Amino acid sequence: MANPYLQVLRTPHALPMVLAAFVGRLPLSMVGLGCVLLVASETGSYGLGGAVAAVGALTTALAGPLIGRLADTHGQRRVLLPVLAVFVAAGAVFIAAVRDGWPTWTVFAAAGVAGTCIPPVSSMIRVRWTHLLRGSHRLHTALAMESVVDELVFIAGPVLVTFLSTTGHATSGVVTAFTLAAVGSLLFAAQRRTEPPPAPHEHRNGPSPMRIDGLKVLFVVGAAVGAVLGTLEIALVAFADENGVRSMSGVLIAGLAVGSMASGIGWGTFHWRLPLRLRLAGVLIALTVLSVPLLVIRDVWLMVPFVVLAGIAVSPSLISSFSLAELLVPRAAVTEAFTWIGTSLALGVAIGASLAGKIVDVSGANAAFVVATVAAAVAAVVVTLGQRQLHVPAEHAPTPALAR
């Protein structure tokens, strides 16, 4: 039987698009952590570093839907290029502000502008797959593959930014992240043959997809998963620091992504009979349970396998959420719907990073993991109670793999 991922990659013009998007979204896993490491190195405060990262994530959350709507209306390339220019300029100001001791408000302002304009390559490529494969059974595999690529990003990115920030100059990680964003986004924008056409008429006159009850449930899920990721990003760095091996923080974060990527690969190849909404509830319950041991583990090397286990439930949660969103919203609003999920993820990261940073400063790293457990539990309850809102009409489910 042919590998379904290879079948997806054989889609005309797909491989260059995927490679460009991989480079372009590496900064998603590098900017926040790089900012934390840089600010903590200069000030000694994880609380301040987490707050700065949270501001960037929050502005990403607020701006994401607008950028998604503009991309739907005017085309991805026309929106991506000016957004990228502002992102790079804001990054340069942020680095200068931290290094040269500018007033604290300038650090937060630059982080906020950079967060507003971080290139939304991850959402855009999912929309391109929807454009290329709509109605095909391969779309489910393509969306699963994108979640796997996201996890690969979260394996390579943290290790790279931690290595650069802790072995070279503290700014090296952030500079590399912004450089990769520029190169990857430019290459992605150059992939004109996979870009979906703009839908100006439908989108200017249509309501926001957030009026759909099911997408509101998925927004909560995205925020919860983001809070888990934001919490772990801060708490694992602090945990390694408390144990005197700060350079291990990238390995710990990569361990989370390894578990998530492994489960995502299997998730995308399995032909499910269980409805998507029930799968989502199940993996969120699993995420809650698997995060509990992190509260009590004290040894770095023992933490690694438990972080991998916790990661197993992350990618399936995102795959199920994006798959449900694609089925629940009108075709012309898919970019905006995906961006709303991305927005909720960023909002969750902001909340998780901010809360975790404050708890680390007061009570230590292990105590901060409780934020992840609570967030996952809230999402599990919301999805369990919101099964009716997540029901996909039969006419919107093109294949058994995306069944109700």
Protein backbone atom coordinates (compact mmCIF):
# COMPACT_ATOMS: atom_id res chain seq x y z
CA MET A 1 0.00 0.00 0.00
CA ALA A 2 1.42 3.39 -1.01
CA ASN A 3 2.49 5.77 1.72
CA PRO A 4 -0.31 8.38 2.00
CA TYR A 5 2.14 11.17 2.80
CA LEU A 6 4.14 10.47 -0.34
CA GLN A 7 0.90 10.54 -2.33
CA VAL A 8 0.16 13.98 -0.91
CA LEU A 9 3.64 15.26 -1.71
CA ARG A 10 3.22 14.10 -5.31
CA THR A 11 0.51 16.74 -5.73
CA PRO A 12 1.80 19.11 -8.45
CA HIS A 13 4.06 21.88 -7.08
CA ALA A 14 3.52 20.69 -3.48
CA LEU A 15 7.08 19.84 -2.46
CA PRO A 16 8.63 23.32 -2.95
CA MET A 17 5.65 24.81 -1.11
CA VAL A 18 6.13 22.45 1.85
CA LEU A 19 9.89 23.09 2.06
CA ALA A 20 9.45 26.87 1.94
CA ALA A 21 6.72 26.72 4.58
CA PHE A 22 8.93 24.62 6.85
CA VAL A 23 11.65 27.28 6.84
CA GLY A 24 9.10 30.08 7.14
CA ARG A 25 7.46 28.69 10.25
CA LEU A 26 10.60 27.67 12.14
CA PRO A 27 10.44 31.06 13.90
CA LEU A 28 7.11 30.03 15.46
CA SER A 29 9.07 27.78 17.81
CA MET A 30 12.08 30.09 18.11
CA VAL A 31 10.91 33.68 18.61
CA GLY A 32 9.09 33.22 21.92
CA LEU A 33 11.75 31.00 23.49
CA GLY A 34 14.54 33.17 22.07
CA CYS A 35 12.94 36.26 23.64
CA VAL A 36 12.63 34.50 27.00
CA LEU A 37 16.27 33.42 26.91
CA LEU A 38 17.47 36.87 25.82
CA VAL A 39 15.42 38.83 28.38
CA ALA A 40 16.23 36.38 31.19
CA SER A 41 19.92 36.60 30.29
CA GLU A 42 19.85 40.39 30.47
CA THR A 43 17.56 40.79 33.52
CA GLY A 44 17.60 37.46 35.38
CA SER A 45 13.78 37.35 35.46
CA TYR A 46 11.73 34.59 33.85
CA GLY A 47 8.62 36.52 34.81
CA LEU A 48 9.67 39.46 32.62
CA GLY A 49 10.79 37.15 29.82
CA GLY A 50 7.48 35.30 29.95
CA ALA A 51 5.56 38.60 29.96
CA VAL A 52 7.40 39.83 26.88
CA ALA A 53 6.74 36.55 25.07
CA ALA A 54 3.11 36.75 26.18
CA VAL A 55 2.68 40.22 24.69
CA GLY A 56 4.01 38.98 21.36
CA ALA A 57 1.70 35.99 21.43
CA LEU A 58 -1.28 38.14 22.45
CA THR A 59 -0.82 40.57 19.56
CA THR A 60 -0.47 37.61 17.24
CA ALA A 61 -3.82 36.41 18.53
CA LEU A 62 -5.51 39.76 18.02
CA ALA A 63 -4.09 40.41 14.54
CA GLY A 64 -4.37 36.86 13.18
CA PRO A 65 -8.03 36.92 12.09
CA LEU A 66 -7.60 40.29 10.37
CA ILE A 67 -4.55 39.05 8.45
CA GLY A 68 -6.46 35.88 7.53
CA ARG A 69 -9.42 37.88 6.24
CA LEU A 70 -7.14 40.16 4.24
CA ALA A 71 -5.42 37.10 2.73
CA ASP A 72 -8.79 35.61 1.76
CA THR A 73 -9.88 38.91 0.21
CA HIS A 74 -6.71 40.13 -1.52
CA GLY A 75 -4.57 37.01 -1.91
CA GLN A 76 -1.87 35.51 0.28
CA ARG A 77 1.18 36.99 -1.44
CA ARG A 78 -0.12 40.56 -1.42
CA VAL A 79 -0.66 40.35 2.33
CA LEU A 80 2.36 38.26 3.32
CA LEU A 81 5.09 40.51 1.90
CA PRO A 82 4.22 43.78 3.72
CA VAL A 83 3.51 41.85 6.93
CA LEU A 84 6.96 40.29 6.71
CA ALA A 85 8.64 43.67 6.23
CA VAL A 86 7.09 45.06 9.41
CA PHE A 87 7.96 41.87 11.31
CA VAL A 88 11.66 42.11 10.45
CA ALA A 89 11.82 45.83 11.28
CA ALA A 90 10.12 45.27 14.66
CA GLY A 91 12.52 42.43 15.41
CA ALA A 92 15.51 44.69 14.85
CA VAL A 93 14.06 47.28 17.23
CA PHE A 94 13.33 44.61 19.85
CA ILE A 95 16.90 43.28 19.84
CA ALA A 96 18.34 46.77 20.10
CA ALA A 97 15.98 47.67 22.95
CA VAL A 98 16.95 44.62 25.01
CA ARG A 99 20.69 44.80 24.34
CA ASP A 100 21.07 48.53 24.87
CA GLY A 101 18.83 48.85 27.91
CA TRP A 102 16.10 50.97 26.36
CA PRO A 103 13.03 51.71 28.52
CA THR A 104 11.00 48.60 29.27
CA TRP A 105 7.97 49.89 27.40
CA THR A 106 9.96 49.93 24.15
CA VAL A 107 10.80 46.24 24.61
CA PHE A 108 7.12 45.39 25.06
CA ALA A 109 6.08 47.64 22.17
CA ALA A 110 8.56 46.08 19.75
CA ALA A 111 7.56 42.58 20.85
CA GLY A 112 3.92 43.51 20.33
CA VAL A 113 4.46 44.82 16.80
CA ALA A 114 6.56 41.79 15.87
CA GLY A 115 3.87 39.49 17.23
CA THR A 116 1.23 41.33 15.23
CA CYS A 117 3.12 40.75 11.99
CA ILE A 118 4.64 37.29 12.43
CA PRO A 119 4.14 35.67 9.00
CA PRO A 120 1.11 33.32 9.18
CA VAL A 121 2.68 30.68 6.95
CA SER A 122 1.24 27.79 8.97
CA SER A 123 -2.35 28.88 8.38
CA MET A 124 -1.71 29.84 4.78
CA ILE A 125 -0.29 26.48 3.74
CA ARG A 126 -3.29 24.68 5.26
CA VAL A 127 -5.54 26.85 3.12
CA ARG A 128 -3.43 25.99 0.07
CA TRP A 129 -3.88 22.28 0.75
CA THR A 130 -7.63 22.83 1.11
CA HIS A 131 -7.60 24.62 -2.25
CA LEU A 132 -5.56 21.86 -3.93
CA LEU A 133 -7.28 18.82 -2.42
CA ARG A 134 -10.81 19.87 -1.46
CA GLY A 135 -13.16 16.89 -1.70
CA SER A 136 -10.29 14.41 -1.85
CA HIS A 137 -9.53 11.80 0.81
CA ARG A 138 -5.94 13.09 0.65
CA LEU A 139 -6.93 16.37 2.32
CA HIS A 140 -7.15 14.70 5.75
CA THR A 141 -3.65 13.29 5.24
CA ALA A 142 -2.33 16.67 4.08
CA LEU A 143 -3.69 18.43 7.17
CA ALA A 144 -2.24 15.69 9.36
CA MET A 145 1.09 16.10 7.60
CA GLU A 146 1.05 19.83 8.33
CA SER A 147 0.60 19.10 12.03
CA VAL A 148 3.53 16.68 11.81
CA VAL A 149 5.62 19.39 10.14
CA ASP A 150 4.57 21.78 12.92
CA GLU A 151 5.91 19.28 15.43
CA LEU A 152 9.14 18.89 13.46
CA VAL A 153 9.43 22.66 13.67
CA PHE A 154 8.99 22.43 17.43
CA ILE A 155 11.73 19.80 17.57
CA ALA A 156 14.32 21.68 15.54
CA GLY A 157 13.45 25.23 16.58
CA PRO A 158 13.87 25.03 20.38
CA VAL A 159 17.07 23.02 20.13
CA LEU A 160 18.52 25.49 17.61
CA VAL A 161 17.52 28.67 19.46
CA THR A 162 18.66 27.29 22.83
CA PHE A 163 22.01 26.21 21.41
CA LEU A 164 22.58 29.58 19.75
CA SER A 165 21.42 31.60 22.76
CA THR A 166 23.36 29.66 25.39
CA THR A 167 26.62 28.93 23.54
CA GLY A 168 27.01 32.12 21.54
CA HIS A 169 25.78 35.65 22.04
CA ALA A 170 22.38 35.86 23.74
CA THR A 171 20.94 37.59 20.66
CA SER A 172 22.04 34.85 18.24
CA GLY A 173 18.87 32.81 18.62
CA VAL A 174 16.50 35.71 17.99
CA VAL A 175 18.51 37.02 15.02
CA THR A 176 18.48 33.56 13.44
CA ALA A 177 14.72 33.26 13.99
CA PHE A 178 13.96 36.53 12.22
CA THR A 179 16.34 35.66 9.37
CA LEU A 180 14.65 32.30 8.80
CA ALA A 181 11.25 33.99 8.85
CA ALA A 182 12.34 36.35 6.11
CA VAL A 183 13.91 33.68 3.89
CA GLY A 184 11.12 31.14 4.33
CA SER A 185 8.29 33.62 3.84
CA LEU A 186 9.84 35.02 0.67
CA LEU A 187 10.26 31.52 -0.75
CA PHE A 188 6.68 30.65 0.22
CA ALA A 189 5.32 33.81 -1.40
CA ALA A 190 7.17 32.84 -4.59
CA GLN A 191 5.08 29.64 -4.89
CA ARG A 192 2.44 31.29 -7.08
CA ARG A 193 1.10 28.07 -8.65
CA THR A 194 -0.30 26.74 -5.36
CA GLU A 195 -1.79 30.02 -4.15
CA PRO A 196 -5.59 29.97 -3.94
CA PRO A 197 -7.42 32.77 -5.73
CA PRO A 198 -8.77 35.60 -3.55
CA ALA A 199 -12.48 35.59 -2.75
CA PRO A 200 -13.22 39.31 -2.32
CA HIS A 201 -16.96 39.26 -2.97
CA GLU A 202 -17.80 36.34 -0.70
CA HIS A 203 -15.61 37.54 2.12
CA ARG A 204 -16.56 41.19 2.18
CA ASN A 205 -20.25 40.32 2.39
CA GLY A 206 -20.07 37.19 4.53
CA PRO A 207 -20.26 37.01 8.32
CA SER A 208 -17.29 36.01 10.42
CA PRO A 209 -16.94 32.22 10.78
CA MET A 210 -16.70 32.80 14.54
CA ARG A 211 -20.49 33.06 14.51
CA ILE A 212 -20.51 29.29 14.00
CA ASP A 213 -20.90 27.59 17.38
CA GLY A 214 -18.56 24.74 16.51
CA LEU A 215 -15.71 27.11 15.73
CA LYS A 216 -16.22 28.75 19.13
CA VAL A 217 -15.64 25.36 20.74
CA LEU A 218 -12.52 24.86 18.62
CA PHE A 219 -11.32 28.32 19.68
CA VAL A 220 -11.36 27.12 23.30
CA VAL A 221 -9.46 23.99 22.29
CA GLY A 222 -6.81 26.04 20.50
CA ALA A 223 -6.44 28.36 23.49
CA ALA A 224 -6.04 25.39 25.83
CA VAL A 225 -3.44 23.66 23.67
CA GLY A 226 -1.64 26.99 23.32
CA ALA A 227 -1.66 27.41 27.11
CA VAL A 228 -0.12 23.95 27.44
CA LEU A 229 2.62 24.83 24.96
CA GLY A 230 3.23 28.28 26.47
CA THR A 231 3.44 26.84 29.95
CA LEU A 232 5.86 24.10 28.96
CA GLU A 233 8.02 26.52 26.99
CA ILE A 234 8.64 28.59 30.13
CA ALA A 235 8.49 25.87 32.78
CA LEU A 236 10.84 23.46 31.01
CA VAL A 237 13.48 26.17 30.51
CA ALA A 238 13.20 27.10 34.18
CA PHE A 239 13.24 23.42 35.20
CA ALA A 240 16.51 22.85 33.34
CA ASP A 241 17.93 26.05 34.83
CA GLU A 242 16.98 24.99 38.36
CA ASN A 243 18.83 21.72 37.78
CA GLY A 244 21.94 23.52 36.56
CA VAL A 245 21.68 22.34 32.94
CA ARG A 246 20.10 25.24 31.09
CA SER A 247 21.37 23.91 27.77
CA MET A 248 19.00 20.93 28.24
CA SER A 249 15.94 23.16 27.93
CA GLY A 250 15.92 22.80 24.15
CA VAL A 251 16.13 19.02 24.47
CA LEU A 252 13.16 18.98 26.87
CA ILE A 253 11.03 21.13 24.58
CA ALA A 254 12.08 19.02 21.60
CA GLY A 255 11.00 15.91 23.55
CA LEU A 256 7.48 17.30 23.70
CA ALA A 257 7.52 17.77 19.94
CA VAL A 258 8.95 14.28 19.33
CA GLY A 259 5.97 12.68 21.07
CA SER A 260 3.56 14.95 19.26
CA MET A 261 5.13 14.32 15.86
CA ALA A 262 5.16 10.55 16.33
CA SER A 263 1.48 10.48 17.23
CA GLY A 264 0.67 12.88 14.39
CA ILE A 265 2.29 10.60 11.83
CA GLY A 266 0.22 7.65 13.00
CA TRP A 267 -2.93 9.76 13.30
CA GLY A 268 -2.71 10.83 9.66
CA THR A 269 -2.30 7.31 8.29
CA PHE A 270 -5.00 5.58 10.33
CA HIS A 271 -8.48 5.23 8.81
CA TRP A 272 -10.75 6.22 11.66
CA ARG A 273 -14.32 5.07 12.19
CA LEU A 274 -14.80 7.14 15.33
CA PRO A 275 -16.27 10.62 14.64
CA LEU A 276 -13.85 13.54 14.72
CA ARG A 277 -15.62 15.22 17.62
CA LEU A 278 -15.25 12.12 19.81
CA ARG A 279 -11.61 11.72 18.86
CA LEU A 280 -10.97 15.29 19.92
CA ALA A 281 -12.59 14.73 23.32
CA GLY A 282 -10.53 11.60 23.86
CA VAL A 283 -7.15 13.14 23.09
CA LEU A 284 -7.87 16.14 25.32
CA ILE A 285 -8.65 13.82 28.22
CA ALA A 286 -5.38 12.02 27.49
CA LEU A 287 -3.51 15.35 27.42
CA THR A 288 -4.89 16.20 30.86
CA VAL A 289 -3.83 12.89 32.39
CA LEU A 290 -0.38 12.83 30.77
CA SER A 291 0.50 16.32 32.01
CA VAL A 292 0.03 15.43 35.69
CA PRO A 293 3.40 13.63 36.26
CA LEU A 294 5.26 16.79 35.23
CA LEU A 295 4.19 18.37 38.52
CA VAL A 296 6.26 16.00 40.65
CA ILE A 297 9.31 14.92 38.60
CA ARG A 298 12.57 16.44 39.85
CA ASP A 299 15.23 14.81 37.66
CA VAL A 300 16.00 16.22 34.19
CA TRP A 301 16.63 12.87 32.53
CA LEU A 302 13.49 11.37 34.05
CA MET A 303 11.54 14.39 32.80
CA VAL A 304 12.47 13.70 29.15
CA PRO A 305 10.35 10.53 28.62
CA PHE A 306 7.39 11.99 30.49
CA VAL A 307 7.52 15.11 28.34
CA VAL A 308 7.52 12.87 25.26
CA LEU A 309 4.44 11.07 26.62
CA ALA A 310 2.66 14.36 27.25
CA GLY A 311 3.40 15.38 23.66
CA ILE A 312 1.57 12.37 22.27
CA ALA A 313 -1.80 14.08 22.71
CA VAL A 314 -0.84 17.49 21.29
CA SER A 315 -0.70 16.88 17.54
CA PRO A 316 -3.92 14.81 17.38
CA SER A 317 -5.71 17.66 19.16
CA LEU A 318 -4.60 20.13 16.50
CA ILE A 319 -5.22 17.77 13.57
CA SER A 320 -8.76 17.13 14.76
CA SER A 321 -9.39 20.83 15.35
CA PHE A 322 -8.23 21.96 11.89
CA SER A 323 -10.08 19.07 10.22
CA LEU A 324 -13.32 19.98 12.00
CA ALA A 325 -12.90 23.66 11.15
CA GLU A 326 -12.49 22.86 7.45
CA LEU A 327 -15.78 20.94 7.55
CA LEU A 328 -17.78 23.37 9.68
CA VAL A 329 -17.19 26.70 7.90
CA PRO A 330 -18.06 27.98 4.39
CA ARG A 331 -15.36 27.54 1.75
CA ALA A 332 -14.69 31.28 1.36
CA ALA A 333 -13.96 31.63 5.07
CA VAL A 334 -11.51 28.74 5.52
CA THR A 335 -8.41 30.96 5.84
CA GLU A 336 -10.10 33.06 8.49
CA ALA A 337 -11.34 29.97 10.33
CA PHE A 338 -7.87 28.44 10.39
CA THR A 339 -6.46 31.79 11.48
CA TRP A 340 -8.95 31.94 14.36
CA ILE A 341 -7.59 28.60 15.58
CA GLY A 342 -4.08 29.94 15.16
CA THR A 343 -5.19 33.05 17.04
CA SER A 344 -6.54 30.99 19.91
CA LEU A 345 -3.28 29.04 20.03
CA ALA A 346 -1.32 32.29 20.25
CA LEU A 347 -3.69 33.64 22.90
CA GLY A 348 -3.26 30.45 24.90
CA VAL A 349 0.51 30.66 24.59
CA ALA A 350 0.37 34.22 25.90
CA ILE A 351 -1.73 33.23 28.91
CA GLY A 352 0.27 30.09 29.61
CA ALA A 353 3.66 31.78 29.29
CA SER A 354 2.65 34.72 31.46
CA LEU A 355 1.13 32.60 34.24
CA ALA A 356 3.95 30.06 34.15
CA GLY A 357 6.62 32.78 34.33
CA LYS A 358 5.01 34.32 37.41
CA ILE A 359 4.61 30.93 39.12
CA VAL A 360 8.23 30.02 38.35
CA ASP A 361 9.49 33.21 40.00
CA VAL A 362 7.36 32.58 43.11
CA SER A 363 7.11 28.79 43.52
CA GLY A 364 9.52 27.13 41.08
CA ALA A 365 9.25 25.30 37.78
CA ASN A 366 7.31 22.21 38.86
CA ALA A 367 4.46 24.27 40.29
CA ALA A 368 4.06 26.05 36.95
CA PHE A 369 3.08 22.83 35.16
CA VAL A 370 -0.33 23.00 36.86
CA VAL A 371 -1.33 25.64 34.29
CA ALA A 372 -1.00 23.03 31.53
CA THR A 373 -3.05 20.45 33.41
CA VAL A 374 -5.87 22.88 34.16
CA ALA A 375 -5.96 24.18 30.58
CA ALA A 376 -6.19 20.69 29.09
CA ALA A 377 -8.92 19.73 31.55
CA VAL A 378 -11.00 22.80 30.68
CA ALA A 379 -10.76 21.98 26.97
CA ALA A 380 -11.75 18.37 27.56
CA VAL A 381 -14.86 19.47 29.46
CA VAL A 382 -15.83 22.07 26.83
CA VAL A 383 -15.50 19.59 23.95
CA THR A 384 -17.39 16.88 25.84
CA LEU A 385 -20.25 19.28 26.53
CA GLY A 386 -20.08 20.76 23.01
CA GLN A 387 -20.50 17.57 20.97
CA ARG A 388 -23.70 18.84 19.36
CA GLN A 389 -21.97 22.03 18.15
CA LEU A 390 -19.16 19.94 16.62
CA HIS A 391 -21.51 17.65 14.71
CA VAL A 392 -20.64 17.74 10.99
CA PRO A 393 -23.62 17.43 8.60
CA ALA A 394 -23.39 14.36 6.36
CA GLU A 395 -23.15 16.45 3.19
CA HIS A 396 -20.02 18.16 4.54
CA ALA A 397 -18.15 14.92 5.27
CA PRO A 398 -16.63 13.86 1.93
CA THR A 399 -14.84 10.72 3.11
CA PRO A 400 -15.13 8.17 5.93
CA ALA A 401 -11.86 9.51 7.35
CA LEU A 402 -13.63 12.78 8.04
CA ALA A 403 -16.87 11.23 9.16
CA ARG A 404 -19.12 12.75 11.70
